[in-house]
Protein backbone atom coordinates (compact mmCIF):
# COMPACT_ATOMS: atom_id res chain seq x y z
CA MET A 1 44.04 -22.73 -22.28
CA LEU A 2 46.56 -20.04 -23.03
CA GLY A 3 48.21 -21.84 -25.92
CA ALA A 4 51.72 -21.27 -24.54
CA ASP A 5 54.64 -23.38 -25.77
CA VAL A 6 56.60 -23.06 -22.54
CA GLY A 7 55.90 -22.38 -18.88
CA LEU A 8 58.20 -20.99 -16.21
CA GLY A 9 57.73 -21.23 -12.47
CA VAL A 10 59.57 -20.10 -9.36
CA THR A 11 58.80 -20.87 -5.72
CA GLY A 12 60.72 -20.73 -2.50
CA VAL A 13 61.50 -18.73 0.61
CA ALA A 14 62.81 -15.20 0.05
CA GLY A 15 62.61 -14.25 3.71
CA PRO A 16 62.87 -12.52 5.99
CA THR A 17 62.43 -15.72 8.06
CA ARG A 18 62.30 -19.50 7.55
CA GLN A 19 59.01 -20.90 6.34
CA ASP A 20 57.75 -24.35 7.34
CA GLY A 21 61.30 -25.34 8.27
CA VAL A 22 62.74 -24.27 4.89
CA ALA A 23 65.75 -21.94 5.02
CA VAL A 24 65.66 -18.44 3.59
CA GLY A 25 67.15 -18.48 0.07
CA THR A 26 65.88 -21.95 -0.84
CA VAL A 27 64.34 -21.56 -4.30
CA TRP A 28 63.03 -23.98 -6.94
CA ALA A 29 62.85 -22.91 -10.59
CA ALA A 30 61.11 -24.90 -13.32
CA LEU A 31 60.73 -24.84 -17.07
CA ALA A 32 58.02 -26.91 -18.80
CA GLY A 33 58.37 -27.40 -22.52
CA PRO A 34 56.38 -29.20 -25.18
CA GLY A 35 56.10 -32.97 -25.03
CA GLY A 36 57.01 -33.17 -21.34
CA ASP A 37 60.44 -31.64 -21.89
CA ASN A 38 60.75 -30.30 -18.34
CA GLN A 39 63.63 -29.06 -16.21
CA THR A 40 63.89 -28.14 -12.53
CA ARG A 41 66.62 -26.47 -10.54
CA LEU A 42 67.12 -26.13 -6.79
CA MET A 43 69.05 -23.07 -5.67
CA HIS A 44 70.31 -21.84 -2.31
CA LEU A 45 70.65 -18.09 -2.68
CA GLY A 46 72.09 -15.51 -0.33
CA GLY A 47 71.22 -11.91 0.36
CA ASP A 48 68.13 -10.05 1.40
CA ARG A 49 64.59 -10.65 0.16
CA ASP A 50 64.92 -8.38 -2.89
CA ARG A 51 68.23 -9.90 -3.96
CA ILE A 52 66.89 -13.46 -3.63
CA ARG A 53 63.87 -12.55 -5.77
CA GLN A 54 66.06 -10.87 -8.41
CA ILE A 55 68.50 -13.79 -8.70
CA ALA A 56 65.65 -16.32 -8.81
CA THR A 57 63.99 -14.41 -11.65
CA ILE A 58 67.24 -14.02 -13.57
CA SER A 59 67.99 -17.73 -13.10
CA VAL A 60 64.65 -19.00 -14.47
CA LEU A 61 64.92 -16.64 -17.44
CA ASP A 62 68.45 -17.93 -18.04
CA MET A 63 67.06 -21.49 -18.06
CA LEU A 64 64.71 -20.41 -20.85
CA ARG A 65 67.50 -18.61 -22.73
CA ARG A 66 69.71 -21.68 -22.64
CA ARG A 67 66.87 -23.92 -23.80
CA LEU A 68 66.16 -21.63 -26.73
CA MET A 69 69.85 -21.53 -27.66
CA GLU A 70 69.96 -25.34 -27.76
CA GLY A 71 67.86 -25.07 -30.93
CA GLY A 72 70.82 -23.54 -32.78
CA GLY A 73 68.53 -21.33 -34.85
CA ARG A 74 66.70 -24.22 -36.52
CA GLU A 75 62.93 -24.30 -36.80
CA GLN A 76 61.38 -26.33 -34.02
CA GLU A 77 57.96 -27.34 -32.91
CA GLY A 78 57.44 -25.40 -29.67
CA LEU A 79 60.99 -25.02 -28.40
């Protein structure tokens, strides 16, 4: 066990072609927090492979940023 309080995950099809019938730009992002406090997000992104990967990464990090901001600066267990 790594002892992490939160986990982030990203999967999808960045291209250059469809994969198993899934369109290029289809991306799932997920955040797993303590106590089963989980969130998922389906995105349909445009652009080339590099752009899709960049936006997917920025999006999952933004999910984490928003979750951390929900705490309003108060001490929390985990998040």
